[in-house]
Amino acid sequence: MNESNKKHQELTNQGYQLIETFDHNKPEVLLHEWIAKKSIVTKIFGGGAGIILGGVGALLGISIATGTFQVNFIIQFVLGMVAVLLIIPLHELIHGLAYYSVGAKKVQYKAIWKKMV
């Protein structure tokens, strides 16, 4: 019996139940399943993203229509997007550390554009 099976058996003996497993080499499978579930969480996330993007578009449209458009709006928006892009590697590094801490032997950082992950 390998170490993983021993740990599983110990937890089962303590009353825990295995609900789901996760293949650390294929994280995109979990992501696709999560999105496909259309749970309340994915609906709230999608709705929130739509509201935020719609709000930014509405503010931009109103400022142009009323003649109050300021270049600062675009500069601040672009700087915000750059900040988000700079934070993503740190965010992914935290994911990698979490995977490594729960037993992933090989953690890779790459994009698979055909699968959108």
N, C-alpha and C. Protein backbone atom coordinates (compact mmCIF):
# COMPACT_ATOMS: atom_id res chain seq x y z
N MET A 1 0.86 -1.18 0.00
CA MET A 1 0.00 0.00 0.00
C MET A 1 0.90 1.24 0.00
N ASN A 2 0.68 2.13 -0.98
CA ASN A 2 1.52 3.32 -1.04
C ASN A 2 1.07 4.36 -0.02
N GLU A 3 1.85 5.42 0.11
CA GLU A 3 1.61 6.46 1.12
C GLU A 3 0.25 7.12 0.95
N SER A 4 -0.14 7.37 -0.28
CA SER A 4 -1.43 8.01 -0.56
C SER A 4 -2.59 7.13 -0.09
N ASN A 5 -2.50 5.84 -0.40
CA ASN A 5 -3.56 4.91 0.02
C ASN A 5 -3.62 4.78 1.54
N LYS A 6 -2.46 4.79 2.20
CA LYS A 6 -2.43 4.73 3.67
C LYS A 6 -3.13 5.94 4.26
N LYS A 7 -2.82 7.11 3.72
CA LYS A 7 -3.43 8.35 4.22
C LYS A 7 -4.94 8.31 3.99
N HIS A 8 -5.35 7.83 2.81
CA HIS A 8 -6.77 7.73 2.49
C HIS A 8 -7.47 6.80 3.48
N GLN A 9 -6.83 5.67 3.77
CA GLN A 9 -7.42 4.71 4.70
C GLN A 9 -7.52 5.29 6.10
N GLU A 10 -6.49 6.03 6.53
CA GLU A 10 -6.52 6.65 7.86
C GLU A 10 -7.69 7.63 7.96
N LEU A 11 -7.85 8.45 6.94
CA LEU A 11 -8.93 9.44 6.96
C LEU A 11 -10.30 8.77 6.91
N THR A 12 -10.42 7.69 6.13
CA THR A 12 -11.67 6.94 6.07
C THR A 12 -12.01 6.36 7.44
N ASN A 13 -11.00 5.84 8.13
CA ASN A 13 -11.20 5.27 9.46
C ASN A 13 -11.65 6.33 10.46
N GLN A 14 -11.29 7.60 10.20
CA GLN A 14 -11.67 8.69 11.10
C GLN A 14 -13.04 9.26 10.75
N GLY A 15 -13.70 8.70 9.74
CA GLY A 15 -15.05 9.14 9.39
C GLY A 15 -15.13 10.07 8.20
N TYR A 16 -13.98 10.38 7.57
CA TYR A 16 -14.00 11.24 6.41
C TYR A 16 -14.40 10.43 5.18
N GLN A 17 -14.98 11.13 4.19
CA GLN A 17 -15.40 10.47 2.96
C GLN A 17 -14.78 11.18 1.77
N LEU A 18 -14.18 10.42 0.87
CA LEU A 18 -13.59 10.99 -0.34
C LEU A 18 -14.72 11.41 -1.28
N ILE A 19 -14.76 12.66 -1.62
CA ILE A 19 -15.82 13.18 -2.49
C ILE A 19 -15.32 13.30 -3.92
N GLU A 20 -14.09 13.76 -4.07
CA GLU A 20 -13.58 13.99 -5.42
C GLU A 20 -12.06 13.87 -5.41
N THR A 21 -11.49 13.48 -6.54
CA THR A 21 -10.04 13.44 -6.69
C THR A 21 -9.63 14.47 -7.74
N PHE A 22 -8.36 14.80 -7.74
CA PHE A 22 -7.87 15.85 -8.62
C PHE A 22 -6.53 15.41 -9.18
N ASP A 23 -6.40 15.39 -10.50
CA ASP A 23 -5.15 15.06 -11.17
C ASP A 23 -4.33 16.33 -11.33
N HIS A 24 -3.24 16.44 -10.58
CA HIS A 24 -2.41 17.65 -10.62
C HIS A 24 -1.81 17.92 -11.99
N ASN A 25 -1.74 16.89 -12.82
CA ASN A 25 -1.17 17.07 -14.16
C ASN A 25 -2.18 17.60 -15.16
N LYS A 26 -3.45 17.66 -14.79
CA LYS A 26 -4.49 18.14 -15.71
C LYS A 26 -5.45 19.09 -14.99
N PRO A 27 -4.97 20.24 -14.54
CA PRO A 27 -5.85 21.17 -13.82
C PRO A 27 -6.96 21.75 -14.69
N GLU A 28 -6.75 21.77 -16.01
CA GLU A 28 -7.77 22.33 -16.90
C GLU A 28 -9.06 21.51 -16.88
N VAL A 29 -8.96 20.22 -16.59
CA VAL A 29 -10.14 19.36 -16.54
C VAL A 29 -11.06 19.84 -15.42
N LEU A 30 -10.48 20.12 -14.26
CA LEU A 30 -11.26 20.62 -13.13
C LEU A 30 -11.91 21.96 -13.47
N LEU A 31 -11.16 22.83 -14.10
CA LEU A 31 -11.68 24.15 -14.48
C LEU A 31 -12.86 24.01 -15.44
N HIS A 32 -12.72 23.18 -16.45
CA HIS A 32 -13.80 23.00 -17.43
C HIS A 32 -15.03 22.38 -16.78
N GLU A 33 -14.83 21.42 -15.87
CA GLU A 33 -15.97 20.82 -15.17
C GLU A 33 -16.66 21.85 -14.30
N TRP A 34 -15.87 22.69 -13.61
CA TRP A 34 -16.41 23.71 -12.72
C TRP A 34 -17.26 24.71 -13.51
N ILE A 35 -16.75 25.14 -14.66
CA ILE A 35 -17.48 26.10 -15.50
C ILE A 35 -18.76 25.46 -16.05
N ALA A 36 -18.68 24.20 -16.44
CA ALA A 36 -19.83 23.51 -17.04
C ALA A 36 -20.95 23.28 -16.04
N LYS A 37 -20.66 23.26 -14.75
CA LYS A 37 -21.68 22.98 -13.75
C LYS A 37 -22.74 24.08 -13.66
N LYS A 38 -22.41 25.27 -14.05
CA LYS A 38 -23.34 26.41 -13.98
C LYS A 38 -23.93 26.53 -12.58
N SER A 39 -23.06 26.43 -11.59
CA SER A 39 -23.49 26.54 -10.20
C SER A 39 -23.77 28.00 -9.87
N ILE A 40 -24.27 28.24 -8.68
CA ILE A 40 -24.56 29.60 -8.24
C ILE A 40 -23.27 30.42 -8.21
N VAL A 41 -22.14 29.78 -7.87
CA VAL A 41 -20.86 30.49 -7.82
C VAL A 41 -20.46 30.97 -9.21
N THR A 42 -20.56 30.09 -10.22
CA THR A 42 -20.18 30.51 -11.57
C THR A 42 -21.13 31.56 -12.11
N LYS A 43 -22.41 31.47 -11.74
CA LYS A 43 -23.38 32.48 -12.19
C LYS A 43 -23.08 33.83 -11.54
N ILE A 44 -22.76 33.84 -10.25
CA ILE A 44 -22.43 35.09 -9.57
C ILE A 44 -21.16 35.69 -10.14
N PHE A 45 -20.15 34.84 -10.38
CA PHE A 45 -18.90 35.33 -10.94
C PHE A 45 -19.12 35.94 -12.32
N GLY A 46 -19.83 35.21 -13.18
CA GLY A 46 -20.11 35.71 -14.52
C GLY A 46 -20.95 36.98 -14.50
N GLY A 47 -21.95 37.00 -13.63
CA GLY A 47 -22.79 38.20 -13.51
C GLY A 47 -21.99 39.39 -12.99
N GLY A 48 -21.14 39.13 -12.00
CA GLY A 48 -20.31 40.21 -11.45
C GLY A 48 -19.36 40.78 -12.49
N ALA A 49 -18.74 39.89 -13.26
CA ALA A 49 -17.83 40.35 -14.32
C ALA A 49 -18.59 41.16 -15.36
N GLY A 50 -19.79 40.71 -15.70
CA GLY A 50 -20.61 41.45 -16.67
C GLY A 50 -21.01 42.82 -16.15
N ILE A 51 -21.37 42.89 -14.87
CA ILE A 51 -21.75 44.18 -14.27
C ILE A 51 -20.57 45.13 -14.26
N ILE A 52 -19.39 44.63 -13.89
CA ILE A 52 -18.21 45.49 -13.84
C ILE A 52 -17.85 46.00 -15.23
N LEU A 53 -17.79 45.10 -16.21
CA LEU A 53 -17.45 45.54 -17.57
C LEU A 53 -18.52 46.46 -18.14
N GLY A 54 -19.78 46.14 -17.87
CA GLY A 54 -20.87 47.01 -18.31
C GLY A 54 -20.79 48.38 -17.67
N GLY A 55 -20.45 48.41 -16.40
CA GLY A 55 -20.31 49.69 -15.69
C GLY A 55 -19.19 50.54 -16.25
N VAL A 56 -18.06 49.92 -16.55
CA VAL A 56 -16.95 50.66 -17.15
C VAL A 56 -17.36 51.20 -18.51
N GLY A 57 -18.01 50.37 -19.31
CA GLY A 57 -18.48 50.83 -20.62
C GLY A 57 -19.49 51.96 -20.50
N ALA A 58 -20.42 51.84 -19.54
CA ALA A 58 -21.43 52.88 -19.35
C ALA A 58 -20.77 54.19 -18.91
N LEU A 59 -19.83 54.13 -17.98
CA LEU A 59 -19.14 55.35 -17.54
C LEU A 59 -18.39 56.00 -18.68
N LEU A 60 -17.74 55.19 -19.48
CA LEU A 60 -17.02 55.72 -20.63
C LEU A 60 -17.98 56.38 -21.62
N GLY A 61 -19.08 55.68 -21.91
CA GLY A 61 -20.08 56.24 -22.84
C GLY A 61 -20.70 57.52 -22.33
N ILE A 62 -21.05 57.56 -21.05
CA ILE A 62 -21.66 58.76 -20.46
C ILE A 62 -20.68 59.92 -20.47
N SER A 63 -19.41 59.64 -20.13
CA SER A 63 -18.43 60.73 -20.10
C SER A 63 -18.19 61.29 -21.50
N ILE A 64 -18.21 60.45 -22.52
CA ILE A 64 -18.04 60.94 -23.89
C ILE A 64 -19.28 61.73 -24.32
N ALA A 65 -20.47 61.20 -24.01
CA ALA A 65 -21.71 61.85 -24.42
C ALA A 65 -21.90 63.21 -23.75
N THR A 66 -21.47 63.35 -22.52
CA THR A 66 -21.68 64.61 -21.79
C THR A 66 -20.51 65.57 -21.95
N GLY A 67 -19.48 65.14 -22.64
CA GLY A 67 -18.34 66.02 -22.86
C GLY A 67 -17.42 66.11 -21.65
N THR A 68 -17.57 65.21 -20.70
CA THR A 68 -16.72 65.23 -19.51
C THR A 68 -15.62 64.18 -19.58
N PHE A 69 -15.43 63.63 -20.77
CA PHE A 69 -14.42 62.58 -20.93
C PHE A 69 -13.05 63.11 -20.57
N GLN A 70 -12.33 62.34 -19.79
CA GLN A 70 -10.99 62.74 -19.38
C GLN A 70 -10.02 61.63 -19.78
N VAL A 71 -8.88 62.01 -20.27
CA VAL A 71 -7.86 61.05 -20.65
C VAL A 71 -7.42 60.26 -19.41
N ASN A 72 -7.51 60.89 -18.23
CA ASN A 72 -7.12 60.20 -17.00
C ASN A 72 -7.90 58.91 -16.81
N PHE A 73 -9.15 58.90 -17.25
CA PHE A 73 -9.97 57.69 -17.12
C PHE A 73 -9.31 56.53 -17.85
N ILE A 74 -8.92 56.76 -19.08
CA ILE A 74 -8.28 55.72 -19.89
C ILE A 74 -6.93 55.33 -19.29
N ILE A 75 -6.15 56.33 -18.86
CA ILE A 75 -4.84 56.04 -18.28
C ILE A 75 -5.00 55.19 -17.02
N GLN A 76 -5.94 55.54 -16.16
CA GLN A 76 -6.14 54.78 -14.92
C GLN A 76 -6.65 53.38 -15.22
N PHE A 77 -7.53 53.25 -16.20
CA PHE A 77 -8.04 51.94 -16.57
C PHE A 77 -6.92 51.06 -17.10
N VAL A 78 -6.09 51.60 -17.99
CA VAL A 78 -4.98 50.84 -18.55
C VAL A 78 -3.98 50.47 -17.46
N LEU A 79 -3.67 51.40 -16.55
CA LEU A 79 -2.76 51.08 -15.46
C LEU A 79 -3.33 49.99 -14.55
N GLY A 80 -4.63 50.02 -14.34
CA GLY A 80 -5.28 48.97 -13.56
C GLY A 80 -5.16 47.61 -14.23
N MET A 81 -5.36 47.58 -15.54
CA MET A 81 -5.24 46.32 -16.27
C MET A 81 -3.79 45.81 -16.25
N VAL A 82 -2.82 46.71 -16.37
CA VAL A 82 -1.41 46.31 -16.29
C VAL A 82 -1.11 45.74 -14.90
N ALA A 83 -1.64 46.38 -13.86
CA ALA A 83 -1.43 45.89 -12.50
C ALA A 83 -1.99 44.48 -12.34
N VAL A 84 -3.16 44.23 -12.90
CA VAL A 84 -3.76 42.89 -12.83
C VAL A 84 -2.85 41.89 -13.54
N LEU A 85 -2.35 42.26 -14.71
CA LEU A 85 -1.48 41.35 -15.46
C LEU A 85 -0.18 41.06 -14.71
N LEU A 86 0.31 42.04 -13.94
CA LEU A 86 1.52 41.81 -13.17
C LEU A 86 1.27 40.95 -11.94
N ILE A 87 0.05 40.96 -11.43
CA ILE A 87 -0.28 40.18 -10.24
C ILE A 87 -0.55 38.71 -10.60
N ILE A 88 -0.95 38.44 -11.83
CA ILE A 88 -1.29 37.06 -12.23
C ILE A 88 -0.15 36.07 -11.97
N PRO A 89 1.11 36.38 -12.33
CA PRO A 89 2.18 35.40 -12.03
C PRO A 89 2.30 35.08 -10.54
N LEU A 90 2.15 36.09 -9.69
CA LEU A 90 2.19 35.85 -8.24
C LEU A 90 1.04 34.95 -7.82
N HIS A 91 -0.13 35.21 -8.36
CA HIS A 91 -1.31 34.39 -8.08
C HIS A 91 -1.07 32.94 -8.48
N GLU A 92 -0.52 32.73 -9.66
CA GLU A 92 -0.26 31.38 -10.15
C GLU A 92 0.83 30.70 -9.34
N LEU A 93 1.82 31.46 -8.89
CA LEU A 93 2.85 30.90 -8.03
C LEU A 93 2.24 30.36 -6.73
N ILE A 94 1.28 31.07 -6.18
CA ILE A 94 0.59 30.61 -4.97
C ILE A 94 -0.15 29.31 -5.26
N HIS A 95 -0.79 29.20 -6.42
CA HIS A 95 -1.44 27.94 -6.82
C HIS A 95 -0.40 26.82 -6.86
N GLY A 96 0.74 27.09 -7.49
CA GLY A 96 1.78 26.08 -7.60
C GLY A 96 2.28 25.62 -6.24
N LEU A 97 2.46 26.54 -5.32
CA LEU A 97 2.89 26.18 -3.98
C LEU A 97 1.84 25.33 -3.28
N ALA A 98 0.57 25.65 -3.50
CA ALA A 98 -0.51 24.85 -2.90
C ALA A 98 -0.51 23.44 -3.48
N TYR A 99 -0.37 23.31 -4.80
CA TYR A 99 -0.33 21.99 -5.43
C TYR A 99 0.86 21.19 -4.89
N TYR A 100 2.01 21.85 -4.80
CA TYR A 100 3.22 21.18 -4.31
C TYR A 100 3.03 20.73 -2.86
N SER A 101 2.38 21.55 -2.06
CA SER A 101 2.21 21.23 -0.64
C SER A 101 1.28 20.04 -0.41
N VAL A 102 0.40 19.74 -1.39
CA VAL A 102 -0.51 18.60 -1.23
C VAL A 102 -0.07 17.38 -2.05
N GLY A 103 1.16 17.42 -2.55
CA GLY A 103 1.70 16.22 -3.15
C GLY A 103 2.04 16.25 -4.62
N ALA A 104 1.82 17.34 -5.32
CA ALA A 104 2.18 17.38 -6.74
C ALA A 104 3.70 17.27 -6.86
N LYS A 105 4.16 16.34 -7.66
CA LYS A 105 5.60 16.12 -7.82
C LYS A 105 6.22 17.11 -8.80
N LYS A 106 5.45 17.50 -9.81
CA LYS A 106 5.98 18.37 -10.86
C LYS A 106 4.96 19.47 -11.12
N VAL A 107 5.31 20.69 -10.78
CA VAL A 107 4.42 21.82 -10.99
C VAL A 107 4.97 22.62 -12.17
N GLN A 108 4.13 22.82 -13.20
CA GLN A 108 4.55 23.56 -14.38
C GLN A 108 3.68 24.80 -14.54
N TYR A 109 4.26 25.80 -15.15
CA TYR A 109 3.52 27.02 -15.45
C TYR A 109 3.57 27.22 -16.95
N LYS A 110 2.40 27.01 -17.58
CA LYS A 110 2.34 27.17 -19.04
C LYS A 110 0.90 27.43 -19.43
N ALA A 111 0.73 27.96 -20.59
CA ALA A 111 -0.61 28.20 -21.12
C ALA A 111 -0.86 27.21 -22.25
N ILE A 112 -2.08 26.68 -22.28
CA ILE A 112 -2.50 25.82 -23.39
C ILE A 112 -3.62 26.57 -24.10
N TRP A 113 -3.24 27.32 -25.12
CA TRP A 113 -4.18 28.24 -25.76
C TRP A 113 -5.36 27.53 -26.41
N LYS A 114 -5.16 26.33 -26.96
CA LYS A 114 -6.26 25.61 -27.59
C LYS A 114 -7.34 25.22 -26.59
N LYS A 115 -6.95 25.04 -25.32
CA LYS A 115 -7.91 24.68 -24.28
C LYS A 115 -8.31 25.90 -23.45
N MET A 116 -7.75 27.04 -23.78
CA MET A 116 -8.05 28.30 -23.07
C MET A 116 -7.70 28.21 -21.59
N VAL A 117 -6.60 27.56 -21.27
CA VAL A 117 -6.11 27.50 -19.88
C VAL A 117 -4.63 27.83 -19.84
